[in-house]
């Protein structure tokens, strides 16, 4: 089993008290879905001692000059961690022309360019993004709309998990974060979320 800590959008002062020392030591991988200070990501790596992969959100304007130390930018890449194939896609829907903003057409083209890489790597198990898929956890204003091309990605490659941030919500239970599209769990990781992936869930 792999225990993964996922984070996005807000620095959680309650993160460490919420996880007792025993649970914290079990975290093997940290995934960040954007809009977090680079210092916060570096502090998670230093405190937990696990590798951290991230995608940038639409407010991560300091990463060009001050990237988070000891962390890996996963945008438009597929990496393998303990047999899990993980794809990252940064940014939000275009709304003001700022950094990390994409039109639907731009995101669709980006995903199409990644298809040979996904095929060569034998598919994907986990996708991390900043924005959600269209119609799943998203909102109606342009900034917070999800991408239709993410729905295509889910249905084409059937990842086990699609993890996003960007949509600020309060949750009373972890299950409230999750929606199901076919066989894929779509998870809003606003704040933080703990994910456990059993060995049999990983692709051979």
C-alpha atoms as a PDB file:
ATOM      1  CA  UNK A   1       0.000   0.000   0.000  1.00  0.00           C
ATOM      2  CA  UNK A   2       1.139   3.553  -0.772  1.00  0.00           C
ATOM      3  CA  UNK A   3       0.041   6.408   1.483  1.00  0.00           C
ATOM      4  CA  UNK A   4      -0.097   9.744  -0.367  1.00  0.00           C
ATOM      5  CA  UNK A   5      -0.671  13.230   1.050  1.00  0.00           C
ATOM      6  CA  UNK A   6      -2.347  15.582  -1.436  1.00  0.00           C
ATOM      7  CA  UNK A   7      -2.521  19.345  -0.891  1.00  0.00           C
ATOM      8  CA  UNK A   8      -3.741  22.501  -2.636  1.00  0.00           C
ATOM      9  CA  UNK A   9      -4.842  26.127  -2.335  1.00  0.00           C
ATOM     10  CA  UNK A  10      -4.454  26.835   1.396  1.00  0.00           C
ATOM     11  CA  UNK A  11      -1.642  26.349   3.871  1.00  0.00           C
ATOM     12  CA  UNK A  12      -3.129  24.120   6.538  1.00  0.00           C
ATOM     13  CA  UNK A  13      -2.051  24.971  10.067  1.00  0.00           C
ATOM     14  CA  UNK A  14      -4.162  22.036  11.184  1.00  0.00           C
ATOM     15  CA  UNK A  15      -2.284  19.586   8.949  1.00  0.00           C
ATOM     16  CA  UNK A  16       0.257  18.353  11.451  1.00  0.00           C
ATOM     17  CA  UNK A  17      -2.033  18.213  14.513  1.00  0.00           C
ATOM     18  CA  UNK A  18      -4.582  16.358  12.380  1.00  0.00           C
ATOM     19  CA  UNK A  19      -2.032  13.665  11.526  1.00  0.00           C
ATOM     20  CA  UNK A  20      -0.430  11.936  14.457  1.00  0.00           C
ATOM     21  CA  UNK A  21       3.247  11.155  14.230  1.00  0.00           C
ATOM     22  CA  UNK A  22       2.621   7.518  13.319  1.00  0.00           C
ATOM     23  CA  UNK A  23       0.438   8.418  10.335  1.00  0.00           C
ATOM     24  CA  UNK A  24       2.817  11.141   9.193  1.00  0.00           C
ATOM     25  CA  UNK A  25       5.731   8.716   9.064  1.00  0.00           C
ATOM     26  CA  UNK A  26       3.722   6.475   6.733  1.00  0.00           C
ATOM     27  CA  UNK A  27       3.355   9.142   4.002  1.00  0.00           C
ATOM     28  CA  UNK A  28       5.544   8.084   1.081  1.00  0.00           C
ATOM     29  CA  UNK A  29       4.599  10.694  -1.532  1.00  0.00           C
ATOM     30  CA  UNK A  30       3.203  14.245  -1.530  1.00  0.00           C
ATOM     31  CA  UNK A  31       1.235  15.628  -4.482  1.00  0.00           C
ATOM     32  CA  UNK A  32       0.459  19.356  -4.741  1.00  0.00           C
ATOM     33  CA  UNK A  33      -2.340  20.594  -6.986  1.00  0.00           C
ATOM     34  CA  UNK A  34      -1.375  24.244  -6.976  1.00  0.00           C
ATOM     35  CA  UNK A  35      -1.851  27.716  -5.482  1.00  0.00           C
ATOM     36  CA  UNK A  36       0.514  27.132  -2.583  1.00  0.00           C
ATOM     37  CA  UNK A  37       3.617  29.103  -1.577  1.00  0.00           C
ATOM     38  CA  UNK A  38       6.847  27.401  -2.652  1.00  0.00           C
ATOM     39  CA  UNK A  39       8.109  27.669   0.933  1.00  0.00           C
ATOM     40  CA  UNK A  40       5.136  25.611   2.129  1.00  0.00           C
ATOM     41  CA  UNK A  41       5.903  22.792  -0.299  1.00  0.00           C
ATOM     42  CA  UNK A  42       9.563  22.796   0.696  1.00  0.00           C
ATOM     43  CA  UNK A  43       8.572  22.662   4.367  1.00  0.00           C
ATOM     44  CA  UNK A  44       6.388  19.605   3.735  1.00  0.00           C
ATOM     45  CA  UNK A  45       9.297  17.802   2.097  1.00  0.00           C
ATOM     46  CA  UNK A  46      11.615  18.688   4.970  1.00  0.00           C
ATOM     47  CA  UNK A  47       9.098  17.769   7.673  1.00  0.00           C
ATOM     48  CA  UNK A  48       7.717  14.560   6.186  1.00  0.00           C
ATOM     49  CA  UNK A  49      10.772  13.365   4.302  1.00  0.00           C
ATOM     50  CA  UNK A  50       8.837  12.210   1.242  1.00  0.00           C
ATOM     51  CA  UNK A  51       9.245  13.298  -2.393  1.00  0.00           C
ATOM     52  CA  UNK A  52       6.827  15.960  -3.628  1.00  0.00           C
ATOM     53  CA  UNK A  53       5.474  16.346  -7.167  1.00  0.00           C
ATOM     54  CA  UNK A  54       3.489  19.455  -8.041  1.00  0.00           C
ATOM     55  CA  UNK A  55       1.576  21.328 -10.707  1.00  0.00           C
ATOM     56  CA  UNK A  56       1.187  25.088 -10.604  1.00  0.00           C
ATOM     57  CA  UNK A  57      -2.095  26.873 -10.094  1.00  0.00           C
ATOM     58  CA  UNK A  58      -3.174  30.158 -11.628  1.00  0.00           C
ATOM     59  CA  UNK A  59      -1.806  32.099  -8.631  1.00  0.00           C
ATOM     60  CA  UNK A  60       1.621  30.462  -8.508  1.00  0.00           C
ATOM     61  CA  UNK A  61       3.454  33.414 -10.027  1.00  0.00           C
ATOM     62  CA  UNK A  62       6.616  33.124  -7.907  1.00  0.00           C
ATOM     63  CA  UNK A  63       7.606  29.631  -9.037  1.00  0.00           C
ATOM     64  CA  UNK A  64       9.589  30.896 -12.047  1.00  0.00           C
ATOM     65  CA  UNK A  65      12.005  32.817  -9.825  1.00  0.00           C
ATOM     66  CA  UNK A  66      11.654  30.771  -6.626  1.00  0.00           C
ATOM     67  CA  UNK A  67      10.634  27.172  -7.335  1.00  0.00           C
ATOM     68  CA  UNK A  68       9.933  24.977  -4.302  1.00  0.00           C
ATOM     69  CA  UNK A  69      13.196  23.421  -3.209  1.00  0.00           C
ATOM     70  CA  UNK A  70      13.444  19.656  -3.421  1.00  0.00           C
ATOM     71  CA  UNK A  71      10.199  19.305  -5.414  1.00  0.00           C
ATOM     72  CA  UNK A  72       9.471  18.149  -8.977  1.00  0.00           C
ATOM     73  CA  UNK A  73       7.293  20.080 -11.438  1.00  0.00           C
ATOM     74  CA  UNK A  74       5.067  17.421 -12.991  1.00  0.00           C
ATOM     75  CA  UNK A  75       3.369  19.583 -15.641  1.00  0.00           C
ATOM     76  CA  UNK A  76       3.084  17.705 -18.967  1.00  0.00           C
ATOM     77  CA  UNK A  77       5.160  14.834 -17.594  1.00  0.00           C
ATOM     78  CA  UNK A  78       4.519  11.233 -16.612  1.00  0.00           C
ATOM     79  CA  UNK A  79       6.606   9.838 -13.775  1.00  0.00           C
ATOM     80  CA  UNK A  80       6.508   6.449 -12.097  1.00  0.00           C
ATOM     81  CA  UNK A  81       6.553   6.117  -8.324  1.00  0.00           C
ATOM     82  CA  UNK A  82       6.509   2.599  -6.906  1.00  0.00           C
ATOM     83  CA  UNK A  83       4.709   1.371  -9.994  1.00  0.00           C
ATOM     84  CA  UNK A  84       2.193   4.244 -10.083  1.00  0.00           C
ATOM     85  CA  UNK A  85       2.208   6.230 -13.320  1.00  0.00           C
ATOM     86  CA  UNK A  86       1.395   9.849 -12.500  1.00  0.00           C
ATOM     87  CA  UNK A  87       0.573  12.635 -14.983  1.00  0.00           C
ATOM     88  CA  UNK A  88       0.441  16.339 -14.137  1.00  0.00           C
ATOM     89  CA  UNK A  89      -1.354  19.256 -15.834  1.00  0.00           C
ATOM     90  CA  UNK A  90      -1.089  22.770 -14.441  1.00  0.00           C
ATOM     91  CA  UNK A  91      -3.325  25.826 -14.555  1.00  0.00           C
ATOM     92  CA  UNK A  92      -6.892  26.989 -14.821  1.00  0.00           C
ATOM     93  CA  UNK A  93      -9.284  28.034 -17.540  1.00  0.00           C
ATOM     94  CA  UNK A  94      -8.226  31.258 -19.280  1.00  0.00           C
ATOM     95  CA  UNK A  95      -9.991  34.274 -17.767  1.00  0.00           C
ATOM     96  CA  UNK A  96      -7.549  37.227 -17.670  1.00  0.00           C
ATOM     97  CA  UNK A  97      -4.471  36.260 -19.655  1.00  0.00           C
ATOM     98  CA  UNK A  98      -2.363  35.636 -16.569  1.00  0.00           C
ATOM     99  CA  UNK A  99       0.171  32.835 -16.120  1.00  0.00           C
ATOM    100  CA  UNK A 100      -0.912  29.213 -16.032  1.00  0.00           C
ATOM    101  CA  UNK A 101      -4.196  29.987 -17.813  1.00  0.00           C
ATOM    102  CA  UNK A 102      -5.350  27.920 -20.797  1.00  0.00           C
ATOM    103  CA  UNK A 103      -8.237  28.015 -23.200  1.00  0.00           C
ATOM    104  CA  UNK A 104     -10.093  24.768 -23.748  1.00  0.00           C
ATOM    105  CA  UNK A 105      -8.431  24.458 -27.154  1.00  0.00           C
ATOM    106  CA  UNK A 106      -4.953  24.976 -25.698  1.00  0.00           C
ATOM    107  CA  UNK A 107      -5.490  22.315 -23.050  1.00  0.00           C
ATOM    108  CA  UNK A 108      -6.893  19.900 -25.622  1.00  0.00           C
ATOM    109  CA  UNK A 109      -3.831  20.392 -27.811  1.00  0.00           C
ATOM    110  CA  UNK A 110      -1.517  19.868 -24.857  1.00  0.00           C
ATOM    111  CA  UNK A 111      -3.196  16.575 -23.968  1.00  0.00           C
ATOM    112  CA  UNK A 112      -3.039  15.428 -27.584  1.00  0.00           C
ATOM    113  CA  UNK A 113       0.718  16.061 -27.618  1.00  0.00           C
ATOM    114  CA  UNK A 114       1.027  13.868 -24.535  1.00  0.00           C
ATOM    115  CA  UNK A 115      -0.751  10.872 -26.056  1.00  0.00           C
ATOM    116  CA  UNK A 116       2.432   9.222 -27.443  1.00  0.00           C
ATOM    117  CA  UNK A 117       4.094   9.584 -24.028  1.00  0.00           C
ATOM    118  CA  UNK A 118       1.077   8.087 -22.229  1.00  0.00           C
ATOM    119  CA  UNK A 119       1.011   5.209 -24.711  1.00  0.00           C
ATOM    120  CA  UNK A 120       4.751   4.613 -24.339  1.00  0.00           C
ATOM    121  CA  UNK A 121       4.452   4.592 -20.526  1.00  0.00           C
ATOM    122  CA  UNK A 122       1.590   2.094 -20.694  1.00  0.00           C
ATOM    123  CA  UNK A 123      -1.231   4.351 -19.483  1.00  0.00           C
ATOM    124  CA  UNK A 124      -1.681   6.418 -16.335  1.00  0.00           C
ATOM    125  CA  UNK A 125      -2.878   5.592 -12.825  1.00  0.00           C
ATOM    126  CA  UNK A 126      -3.075   9.045 -11.253  1.00  0.00           C
ATOM    127  CA  UNK A 127      -3.632  12.491 -12.769  1.00  0.00           C
ATOM    128  CA  UNK A 128      -2.983  15.657 -10.772  1.00  0.00           C
ATOM    129  CA  UNK A 129      -4.282  18.993 -12.023  1.00  0.00           C
ATOM    130  CA  UNK A 130      -5.133  22.385 -10.622  1.00  0.00           C
ATOM    131  CA  UNK A 131      -8.511  22.781 -12.328  1.00  0.00           C
ATOM    132  CA  UNK A 132     -11.270  20.138 -12.205  1.00  0.00           C
ATOM    133  CA  UNK A 133     -12.999  18.424 -15.123  1.00  0.00           C
ATOM    134  CA  UNK A 134     -15.927  20.349 -16.582  1.00  0.00           C
ATOM    135  CA  UNK A 135     -19.133  19.618 -14.719  1.00  0.00           C
ATOM    136  CA  UNK A 136     -17.409  17.817 -11.846  1.00  0.00           C
ATOM    137  CA  UNK A 137     -16.807  19.947  -8.729  1.00  0.00           C
ATOM    138  CA  UNK A 138     -16.424  23.090 -10.860  1.00  0.00           C
ATOM    139  CA  UNK A 139     -18.338  26.377 -10.890  1.00  0.00           C
ATOM    140  CA  UNK A 140     -19.986  28.535 -13.529  1.00  0.00           C
ATOM    141  CA  UNK A 141     -17.693  31.579 -13.551  1.00  0.00           C
ATOM    142  CA  UNK A 142     -15.022  31.303 -16.241  1.00  0.00           C
ATOM    143  CA  UNK A 143     -12.090  31.234 -13.824  1.00  0.00           C
ATOM    144  CA  UNK A 144     -13.461  28.217 -11.962  1.00  0.00           C
ATOM    145  CA  UNK A 145     -14.890  26.242 -14.857  1.00  0.00           C
ATOM    146  CA  UNK A 146     -13.290  22.874 -15.464  1.00  0.00           C
ATOM    147  CA  UNK A 147     -11.874  21.546 -18.727  1.00  0.00           C
ATOM    148  CA  UNK A 148     -13.938  19.338 -21.017  1.00  0.00           C
ATOM    149  CA  UNK A 149     -10.680  17.827 -22.247  1.00  0.00           C
ATOM    150  CA  UNK A 150     -10.112  16.418 -18.746  1.00  0.00           C
ATOM    151  CA  UNK A 151     -13.323  14.432 -19.141  1.00  0.00           C
ATOM    152  CA  UNK A 152     -11.977  13.022 -22.402  1.00  0.00           C
ATOM    153  CA  UNK A 153      -8.693  12.163 -20.680  1.00  0.00           C
ATOM    154  CA  UNK A 154     -10.517  10.296 -17.914  1.00  0.00           C
ATOM    155  CA  UNK A 155     -12.699   8.308 -20.294  1.00  0.00           C
ATOM    156  CA  UNK A 156      -9.855   7.525 -22.689  1.00  0.00           C
ATOM    157  CA  UNK A 157      -7.175   6.415 -20.210  1.00  0.00           C
ATOM    158  CA  UNK A 158      -9.254   5.454 -17.148  1.00  0.00           C
ATOM    159  CA  UNK A 159      -6.859   6.557 -14.388  1.00  0.00           C
ATOM    160  CA  UNK A 160      -7.723   5.256 -10.934  1.00  0.00           C
ATOM    161  CA  UNK A 161      -7.553   8.762  -9.478  1.00  0.00           C
ATOM    162  CA  UNK A 162      -7.937  12.282 -10.842  1.00  0.00           C
ATOM    163  CA  UNK A 163      -6.909  14.773  -8.154  1.00  0.00           C
ATOM    164  CA  UNK A 164      -7.470  18.530  -8.446  1.00  0.00           C
ATOM    165  CA  UNK A 165      -7.580  21.728  -6.415  1.00  0.00           C
ATOM    166  CA  UNK A 166      -8.796  25.241  -7.342  1.00  0.00           C
ATOM    167  CA  UNK A 167     -12.349  24.816  -6.012  1.00  0.00           C
ATOM    168  CA  UNK A 168     -12.576  26.034  -2.425  1.00  0.00           C
ATOM    169  CA  UNK A 169     -14.973  23.921  -0.413  1.00  0.00           C
ATOM    170  CA  UNK A 170     -15.476  22.781   3.162  1.00  0.00           C
ATOM    171  CA  UNK A 171     -15.815  19.059   3.783  1.00  0.00           C
ATOM    172  CA  UNK A 172     -17.258  17.293   6.793  1.00  0.00           C
ATOM    173  CA  UNK A 173     -15.957  13.903   5.684  1.00  0.00           C
ATOM    174  CA  UNK A 174     -13.365  12.689   3.142  1.00  0.00           C
ATOM    175  CA  UNK A 175     -16.100  11.042   1.051  1.00  0.00           C
ATOM    176  CA  UNK A 176     -17.601  14.476   0.287  1.00  0.00           C
ATOM    177  CA  UNK A 177     -14.495  15.280  -1.770  1.00  0.00           C
ATOM    178  CA  UNK A 178     -15.009  12.402  -4.174  1.00  0.00           C
ATOM    179  CA  UNK A 179     -17.076  11.926  -7.328  1.00  0.00           C
ATOM    180  CA  UNK A 180     -16.926   8.904  -9.625  1.00  0.00           C
ATOM    181  CA  UNK A 181     -16.600   9.009 -13.413  1.00  0.00           C
ATOM    182  CA  UNK A 182     -16.723   5.463 -14.745  1.00  0.00           C
ATOM    183  CA  UNK A 183     -13.936   3.767 -12.727  1.00  0.00           C
ATOM    184  CA  UNK A 184     -12.092   6.992 -11.814  1.00  0.00           C
ATOM    185  CA  UNK A 185     -12.287   8.726  -8.449  1.00  0.00           C
ATOM    186  CA  UNK A 186     -12.243  12.505  -8.948  1.00  0.00           C
ATOM    187  CA  UNK A 187     -10.958  14.073  -5.722  1.00  0.00           C
ATOM    188  CA  UNK A 188     -11.020  17.737  -4.705  1.00  0.00           C
ATOM    189  CA  UNK A 189      -7.945  18.030  -2.491  1.00  0.00           C
ATOM    190  CA  UNK A 190      -8.597  21.590  -1.281  1.00  0.00           C
ATOM    191  CA  UNK A 191      -6.568  21.922   1.912  1.00  0.00           C
ATOM    192  CA  UNK A 192      -5.261  18.391   2.224  1.00  0.00           C
ATOM    193  CA  UNK A 193      -6.360  14.807   1.778  1.00  0.00           C
ATOM    194  CA  UNK A 194      -4.823  11.445   2.634  1.00  0.00           C
ATOM    195  CA  UNK A 195      -5.040   8.778  -0.038  1.00  0.00           C
ATOM    196  CA  UNK A 196      -4.143   5.114   0.362  1.00  0.00           C
ATOM    197  CA  UNK A 197      -3.602   3.066  -2.797  1.00  0.00           C
ATOM    198  CA  UNK A 198      -3.527  -0.694  -2.423  1.00  0.00           C
ATOM    199  CA  UNK A 199      -0.918  -2.693  -4.318  1.00  0.00           C
ATOM    200  CA  UNK A 200      -3.521  -4.458  -6.445  1.00  0.00           C
ATOM    201  CA  UNK A 201      -4.765  -1.096  -7.757  1.00  0.00           C
ATOM    202  CA  UNK A 202      -1.484  -0.415  -9.511  1.00  0.00           C
ATOM    203  CA  UNK A 203      -1.042  -1.362 -13.125  1.00  0.00           C
ATOM    204  CA  UNK A 204       1.153  -4.328 -13.866  1.00  0.00           C
END
